[in-house]
Amino acid sequence: MTQRSVRNRSLLALAGLVLLGGGVLILFAGLDLYRRLDLVPPAGWPLTHPADVLLGSADRARWSSQGWWWWPAVIAALAVAALLALWWLLAQLSRRRPGSLPVGGTPPQEGVELRDRALGDAIATEAGALPGVDDATVRITGRPAHHRTRVGLTLTPEGAPGATLGALCEGPLRTARRSTGLPDMPTEVRLHVARHKPHRAE
């Protein structure tokens, strides 16, 4: 699970708990469940009766006496919160990953598609087996019509960057193009060199 997924799920869980708590509070008050179920709410608990309101006359008068700036500030804060929530929602709807890629060109042959994660794992497995490569990671981003393959290679201390890059293009990337039937696969490759392991002298 990526850090973005953890953050999104945490925010969703928090928002869900807040909405659930507020809904249960309003439901108990609206249906007069405290009286029907013989429950005693805690002292100072809001909304315990169907006739209760969230802000009573005394509260409204007290907040109104804060000055002319109070309610505009509250409205501005709520507007900012609403805009942030809308921005977050739009960010979730905009896919940074293509999801699936057409197989056999565009449009896909007979509706056959390949998941981007499966293709990335296949390229990473084949690239990780190349001579001089210690580890390989592959991530496919963008949209199906304008995707980009990002490859990260960690070379062994003895690995040759030029030879490894050529082997990557002629091996895993060519296999991926041939398997999917895509005429072009824009690729960005980042090369790293693994650190030497310390030698112990005896």
C-alpha atoms as a PDB file:
ATOM      1  CA  MET A   1       0.000   0.000   0.000  1.00  0.00           C
ATOM      2  CA  THR A   2       1.419   3.363  -1.038  1.00  0.00           C
ATOM      3  CA  GLN A   3       1.739   6.363   1.245  1.00  0.00           C
ATOM      4  CA  ARG A   4      -0.937   8.155  -0.771  1.00  0.00           C
ATOM      5  CA  SER A   5      -3.368   5.266  -0.283  1.00  0.00           C
ATOM      6  CA  VAL A   6      -2.727   5.216   3.468  1.00  0.00           C
ATOM      7  CA  ARG A   7      -3.280   8.982   3.681  1.00  0.00           C
ATOM      8  CA  ASN A   8      -6.478   8.821   1.643  1.00  0.00           C
ATOM      9  CA  ARG A   9      -7.901   5.951   3.667  1.00  0.00           C
ATOM     10  CA  SER A  10      -7.044   7.683   6.918  1.00  0.00           C
ATOM     11  CA  LEU A  11      -8.806  10.878   5.808  1.00  0.00           C
ATOM     12  CA  LEU A  12     -11.811   8.903   4.609  1.00  0.00           C
ATOM     13  CA  ALA A  13     -11.992   6.996   7.889  1.00  0.00           C
ATOM     14  CA  LEU A  14     -11.762  10.215   9.911  1.00  0.00           C
ATOM     15  CA  ALA A  15     -14.409  11.952   7.814  1.00  0.00           C
ATOM     16  CA  GLY A  16     -16.619   8.881   8.038  1.00  0.00           C
ATOM     17  CA  LEU A  17     -16.353   8.749  11.825  1.00  0.00           C
ATOM     18  CA  VAL A  18     -17.212  12.455  12.149  1.00  0.00           C
ATOM     19  CA  LEU A  19     -20.207  12.137   9.828  1.00  0.00           C
ATOM     20  CA  LEU A  20     -21.354   8.939  11.526  1.00  0.00           C
ATOM     21  CA  GLY A  21     -21.142  10.524  14.978  1.00  0.00           C
ATOM     22  CA  GLY A  22     -23.042  13.603  13.849  1.00  0.00           C
ATOM     23  CA  GLY A  23     -25.683  11.507  12.113  1.00  0.00           C
ATOM     24  CA  VAL A  24     -26.222   9.291  15.159  1.00  0.00           C
ATOM     25  CA  LEU A  25     -26.474  12.367  17.389  1.00  0.00           C
ATOM     26  CA  ILE A  26     -29.103  13.977  15.148  1.00  0.00           C
ATOM     27  CA  LEU A  27     -30.954  10.668  14.729  1.00  0.00           C
ATOM     28  CA  PHE A  28     -31.223  10.098  18.472  1.00  0.00           C
ATOM     29  CA  ALA A  29     -32.545  13.614  19.015  1.00  0.00           C
ATOM     30  CA  GLY A  30     -34.916  13.664  16.059  1.00  0.00           C
ATOM     31  CA  LEU A  31     -36.542  10.337  16.916  1.00  0.00           C
ATOM     32  CA  ASP A  32     -36.524  11.081  20.651  1.00  0.00           C
ATOM     33  CA  LEU A  33     -34.672   7.839  21.271  1.00  0.00           C
ATOM     34  CA  TYR A  34     -33.296   8.983  24.606  1.00  0.00           C
ATOM     35  CA  ARG A  35     -36.808   9.053  26.056  1.00  0.00           C
ATOM     36  CA  ARG A  36     -38.019   5.961  24.233  1.00  0.00           C
ATOM     37  CA  LEU A  37     -35.043   3.851  25.274  1.00  0.00           C
ATOM     38  CA  ASP A  38     -34.836   5.343  28.775  1.00  0.00           C
ATOM     39  CA  LEU A  39     -31.313   6.613  28.160  1.00  0.00           C
ATOM     40  CA  VAL A  40     -29.784   9.471  30.094  1.00  0.00           C
ATOM     41  CA  PRO A  41     -27.382  11.544  27.940  1.00  0.00           C
ATOM     42  CA  PRO A  42     -24.320  13.111  29.594  1.00  0.00           C
ATOM     43  CA  ALA A  43     -24.659  16.546  31.129  1.00  0.00           C
ATOM     44  CA  GLY A  44     -24.344  19.281  28.534  1.00  0.00           C
ATOM     45  CA  TRP A  45     -24.908  16.826  25.676  1.00  0.00           C
ATOM     46  CA  PRO A  46     -26.293  18.667  22.612  1.00  0.00           C
ATOM     47  CA  LEU A  47     -29.448  17.660  20.769  1.00  0.00           C
ATOM     48  CA  THR A  48     -31.188  15.439  23.299  1.00  0.00           C
ATOM     49  CA  HIS A  49     -34.787  16.333  22.343  1.00  0.00           C
ATOM     50  CA  PRO A  50     -36.602  16.797  19.002  1.00  0.00           C
ATOM     51  CA  ALA A  51     -37.205  20.458  19.850  1.00  0.00           C
ATOM     52  CA  ASP A  52     -33.518  21.161  20.510  1.00  0.00           C
ATOM     53  CA  VAL A  53     -31.459  23.238  18.109  1.00  0.00           C
ATOM     54  CA  LEU A  54     -27.736  23.237  17.571  1.00  0.00           C
ATOM     55  CA  LEU A  55     -27.368  26.919  18.446  1.00  0.00           C
ATOM     56  CA  GLY A  56     -29.860  28.347  20.905  1.00  0.00           C
ATOM     57  CA  SER A  57     -30.823  31.985  21.264  1.00  0.00           C
ATOM     58  CA  ALA A  58     -28.281  32.551  24.043  1.00  0.00           C
ATOM     59  CA  ASP A  59     -25.481  31.023  21.965  1.00  0.00           C
ATOM     60  CA  ARG A  60     -26.400  33.053  18.912  1.00  0.00           C
ATOM     61  CA  ALA A  61     -26.463  36.247  20.966  1.00  0.00           C
ATOM     62  CA  ARG A  62     -23.120  35.423  22.577  1.00  0.00           C
ATOM     63  CA  TRP A  63     -21.411  34.721  19.251  1.00  0.00           C
ATOM     64  CA  SER A  64     -23.000  37.770  17.618  1.00  0.00           C
ATOM     65  CA  SER A  65     -21.500  40.005  20.319  1.00  0.00           C
ATOM     66  CA  GLN A  66     -17.976  39.006  19.282  1.00  0.00           C
ATOM     67  CA  GLY A  67     -17.838  41.750  16.687  1.00  0.00           C
ATOM     68  CA  TRP A  68     -18.544  42.307  13.026  1.00  0.00           C
ATOM     69  CA  TRP A  69     -15.596  40.132  11.943  1.00  0.00           C
ATOM     70  CA  TRP A  70     -16.768  36.913  13.645  1.00  0.00           C
ATOM     71  CA  TRP A  71     -19.362  35.604  11.193  1.00  0.00           C
ATOM     72  CA  PRO A  72     -17.378  36.601   8.057  1.00  0.00           C
ATOM     73  CA  ALA A  73     -14.409  34.726   9.537  1.00  0.00           C
ATOM     74  CA  VAL A  74     -16.563  31.655  10.195  1.00  0.00           C
ATOM     75  CA  ILE A  75     -18.001  31.764   6.677  1.00  0.00           C
ATOM     76  CA  ALA A  76     -14.510  32.182   5.178  1.00  0.00           C
ATOM     77  CA  ALA A  77     -13.197  29.211   7.173  1.00  0.00           C
ATOM     78  CA  LEU A  78     -16.099  27.035   6.052  1.00  0.00           C
ATOM     79  CA  ALA A  79     -15.570  28.135   2.443  1.00  0.00           C
ATOM     80  CA  VAL A  80     -11.877  27.231   2.633  1.00  0.00           C
ATOM     81  CA  ALA A  81     -12.754  23.847   4.141  1.00  0.00           C
ATOM     82  CA  ALA A  82     -15.272  23.217   1.356  1.00  0.00           C
ATOM     83  CA  LEU A  83     -12.732  24.187  -1.327  1.00  0.00           C
ATOM     84  CA  LEU A  84     -10.099  21.915   0.209  1.00  0.00           C
ATOM     85  CA  ALA A  85     -12.575  19.039   0.282  1.00  0.00           C
ATOM     86  CA  LEU A  86     -13.504  19.685  -3.359  1.00  0.00           C
ATOM     87  CA  TRP A  87      -9.835  19.844  -4.356  1.00  0.00           C
ATOM     88  CA  TRP A  88      -9.145  16.558  -2.571  1.00  0.00           C
ATOM     89  CA  LEU A  89     -12.128  14.918  -4.293  1.00  0.00           C
ATOM     90  CA  LEU A  90     -10.991  16.093  -7.725  1.00  0.00           C
ATOM     91  CA  ALA A  91      -7.469  14.848  -6.965  1.00  0.00           C
ATOM     92  CA  GLN A  92      -8.883  11.389  -6.276  1.00  0.00           C
ATOM     93  CA  LEU A  93     -10.907  11.380  -9.471  1.00  0.00           C
ATOM     94  CA  SER A  94      -7.949  12.343 -11.654  1.00  0.00           C
ATOM     95  CA  ARG A  95      -6.060   9.117 -12.250  1.00  0.00           C
ATOM     96  CA  ARG A  96      -2.281   9.294 -12.212  1.00  0.00           C
ATOM     97  CA  ARG A  97      -2.097   5.721 -13.412  1.00  0.00           C
ATOM     98  CA  PRO A  98      -3.518   4.498 -16.710  1.00  0.00           C
ATOM     99  CA  GLY A  99      -5.201   1.514 -15.015  1.00  0.00           C
ATOM    100  CA  SER A 100      -5.086  -0.634 -18.152  1.00  0.00           C
ATOM    101  CA  LEU A 101      -3.328  -0.507 -21.492  1.00  0.00           C
ATOM    102  CA  PRO A 102      -4.732  -1.706 -24.807  1.00  0.00           C
ATOM    103  CA  VAL A 103      -3.249  -4.903 -26.183  1.00  0.00           C
ATOM    104  CA  GLY A 104      -2.725  -5.038 -29.926  1.00  0.00           C
ATOM    105  CA  GLY A 105      -2.640  -1.305 -30.535  1.00  0.00           C
ATOM    106  CA  THR A 106      -5.276   1.414 -30.331  1.00  0.00           C
ATOM    107  CA  PRO A 107      -8.159   0.603 -30.198  1.00  0.00           C
ATOM    108  CA  PRO A 108      -7.444  -2.622 -28.306  1.00  0.00           C
ATOM    109  CA  GLN A 109      -7.859  -5.827 -30.234  1.00  0.00           C
ATOM    110  CA  GLU A 110     -11.243  -7.373 -29.361  1.00  0.00           C
ATOM    111  CA  GLY A 111     -11.381  -5.320 -26.154  1.00  0.00           C
ATOM    112  CA  VAL A 112      -8.357  -7.043 -24.611  1.00  0.00           C
ATOM    113  CA  GLU A 113      -6.549  -4.873 -22.073  1.00  0.00           C
ATOM    114  CA  LEU A 114      -3.591  -5.370 -19.752  1.00  0.00           C
ATOM    115  CA  ARG A 115      -3.377  -3.939 -16.258  1.00  0.00           C
ATOM    116  CA  ASP A 116      -0.558  -1.410 -15.949  1.00  0.00           C
ATOM    117  CA  ARG A 117       0.644  -2.988 -12.695  1.00  0.00           C
ATOM    118  CA  ALA A 118       0.917  -6.415 -14.322  1.00  0.00           C
ATOM    119  CA  LEU A 119       2.924  -4.998 -17.218  1.00  0.00           C
ATOM    120  CA  GLY A 120       5.160  -3.070 -14.820  1.00  0.00           C
ATOM    121  CA  ASP A 121       5.797  -6.185 -12.731  1.00  0.00           C
ATOM    122  CA  ALA A 122       6.683  -8.174 -15.853  1.00  0.00           C
ATOM    123  CA  ILE A 123       9.141  -5.528 -17.029  1.00  0.00           C
ATOM    124  CA  ALA A 124      10.668  -5.258 -13.550  1.00  0.00           C
ATOM    125  CA  THR A 125      11.114  -9.036 -13.277  1.00  0.00           C
ATOM    126  CA  GLU A 126      12.840  -9.263 -16.642  1.00  0.00           C
ATOM    127  CA  ALA A 127      14.936  -6.147 -16.006  1.00  0.00           C
ATOM    128  CA  GLY A 128      16.001  -7.419 -12.592  1.00  0.00           C
ATOM    129  CA  ALA A 129      17.463 -10.524 -14.252  1.00  0.00           C
ATOM    130  CA  LEU A 130      19.750  -8.517 -16.554  1.00  0.00           C
ATOM    131  CA  PRO A 131      23.492  -8.812 -15.962  1.00  0.00           C
ATOM    132  CA  GLY A 132      24.792  -6.111 -13.653  1.00  0.00           C
ATOM    133  CA  VAL A 133      21.351  -5.228 -12.241  1.00  0.00           C
ATOM    134  CA  ASP A 134      20.829  -5.628  -8.513  1.00  0.00           C
ATOM    135  CA  ASP A 135      17.216  -4.412  -8.347  1.00  0.00           C
ATOM    136  CA  ALA A 136      14.574  -3.013 -10.710  1.00  0.00           C
ATOM    137  CA  THR A 137      11.361  -1.075 -10.151  1.00  0.00           C
ATOM    138  CA  VAL A 138       8.854  -0.074 -12.832  1.00  0.00           C
ATOM    139  CA  ARG A 139       5.936   2.335 -12.596  1.00  0.00           C
ATOM    140  CA  ILE A 140       3.586   3.210 -15.447  1.00  0.00           C
ATOM    141  CA  THR A 141       1.934   6.622 -15.149  1.00  0.00           C
ATOM    142  CA  GLY A 142      -0.289   8.854 -17.238  1.00  0.00           C
ATOM    143  CA  ARG A 143      -3.329   7.890 -19.265  1.00  0.00           C
ATOM    144  CA  PRO A 144      -3.724   4.946 -21.657  1.00  0.00           C
ATOM    145  CA  ALA A 145      -3.260   7.184 -24.702  1.00  0.00           C
ATOM    146  CA  HIS A 146      -0.344   9.121 -23.161  1.00  0.00           C
ATOM    147  CA  HIS A 147       1.349   6.800 -20.727  1.00  0.00           C
ATOM    148  CA  ARG A 148       4.952   6.859 -19.569  1.00  0.00           C
ATOM    149  CA  THR A 149       7.063   4.038 -18.207  1.00  0.00           C
ATOM    150  CA  ARG A 150       9.421   4.960 -15.362  1.00  0.00           C
ATOM    151  CA  VAL A 151      12.159   2.446 -14.724  1.00  0.00           C
ATOM    152  CA  GLY A 152      14.521   2.536 -11.774  1.00  0.00           C
ATOM    153  CA  LEU A 153      17.579   0.295 -11.959  1.00  0.00           C
ATOM    154  CA  THR A 154      20.028  -0.307  -9.156  1.00  0.00           C
ATOM    155  CA  LEU A 155      23.269  -1.532 -10.651  1.00  0.00           C
ATOM    156  CA  THR A 156      25.834  -3.685  -8.970  1.00  0.00           C
ATOM    157  CA  PRO A 157      29.224  -2.041  -8.375  1.00  0.00           C
ATOM    158  CA  GLU A 158      30.535  -3.940 -11.392  1.00  0.00           C
ATOM    159  CA  GLY A 159      27.607  -3.031 -13.649  1.00  0.00           C
ATOM    160  CA  ALA A 160      28.165  -0.936 -16.786  1.00  0.00           C
ATOM    161  CA  PRO A 161      25.466   1.742 -17.252  1.00  0.00           C
ATOM    162  CA  GLY A 162      25.721   1.872 -21.029  1.00  0.00           C
ATOM    163  CA  ALA A 163      25.580  -1.877 -21.538  1.00  0.00           C
ATOM    164  CA  THR A 164      22.742  -2.213 -19.029  1.00  0.00           C
ATOM    165  CA  LEU A 165      20.705   0.520 -20.706  1.00  0.00           C
ATOM    166  CA  GLY A 166      21.161  -1.138 -24.085  1.00  0.00           C
ATOM    167  CA  ALA A 167      20.155  -4.510 -22.680  1.00  0.00           C
ATOM    168  CA  LEU A 168      17.063  -2.941 -21.113  1.00  0.00           C
ATOM    169  CA  CYS A 169      15.948  -1.419 -24.417  1.00  0.00           C
ATOM    170  CA  GLU A 170      16.640  -4.549 -26.435  1.00  0.00           C
ATOM    171  CA  GLY A 171      15.234  -6.919 -23.817  1.00  0.00           C
ATOM    172  CA  PRO A 172      12.382  -6.046 -21.412  1.00  0.00           C
ATOM    173  CA  LEU A 173      11.169  -2.894 -23.192  1.00  0.00           C
ATOM    174  CA  ARG A 174      11.165  -4.517 -26.628  1.00  0.00           C
ATOM    175  CA  THR A 175       9.338  -7.526 -25.195  1.00  0.00           C
ATOM    176  CA  ALA A 176       6.737  -5.216 -23.651  1.00  0.00           C
ATOM    177  CA  ARG A 177       6.176  -3.383 -26.938  1.00  0.00           C
ATOM    178  CA  ARG A 178       5.888  -6.650 -28.838  1.00  0.00           C
ATOM    179  CA  SER A 179       3.520  -8.164 -26.262  1.00  0.00           C
ATOM    180  CA  THR A 180       1.167  -5.189 -26.129  1.00  0.00           C
ATOM    181  CA  GLY A 181       1.447  -4.193 -29.770  1.00  0.00           C
ATOM    182  CA  LEU A 182       2.078  -0.590 -28.795  1.00  0.00           C
ATOM    183  CA  PRO A 183       4.154   1.258 -31.389  1.00  0.00           C
ATOM    184  CA  ASP A 184       5.730   3.538 -28.820  1.00  0.00           C
ATOM    185  CA  MET A 185       6.456   3.283 -25.099  1.00  0.00           C
ATOM    186  CA  PRO A 186       7.924   6.547 -23.756  1.00  0.00           C
ATOM    187  CA  THR A 187      10.327   5.471 -21.044  1.00  0.00           C
ATOM    188  CA  GLU A 188      12.330   7.271 -18.388  1.00  0.00           C
ATOM    189  CA  VAL A 189      15.199   5.319 -16.854  1.00  0.00           C
ATOM    190  CA  ARG A 190      16.988   6.218 -13.625  1.00  0.00           C
ATOM    191  CA  LEU A 191      20.208   4.406 -12.835  1.00  0.00           C
ATOM    192  CA  HIS A 192      21.621   3.981  -9.352  1.00  0.00           C
ATOM    193  CA  VAL A 193      24.674   2.092  -8.210  1.00  0.00           C
ATOM    194  CA  ALA A 194      24.508  -0.154  -5.168  1.00  0.00           C
ATOM    195  CA  ARG A 195      26.999   0.614  -2.441  1.00  0.00           C
ATOM    196  CA  HIS A 196      29.980  -1.609  -1.925  1.00  0.00           C
ATOM    197  CA  LYS A 197      29.591  -3.985   0.943  1.00  0.00           C
ATOM    198  CA  PRO A 198      32.312  -3.490   3.551  1.00  0.00           C
ATOM    199  CA  HIS A 199      35.060  -6.058   3.385  1.00  0.00           C
ATOM    200  CA  ARG A 200      36.276  -7.607   6.595  1.00  0.00           C
ATOM    201  CA  ALA A 201      40.018  -8.029   6.905  1.00  0.00           C
ATOM    202  CA  GLU A 202      41.232 -10.848   9.132  1.00  0.00           C
END
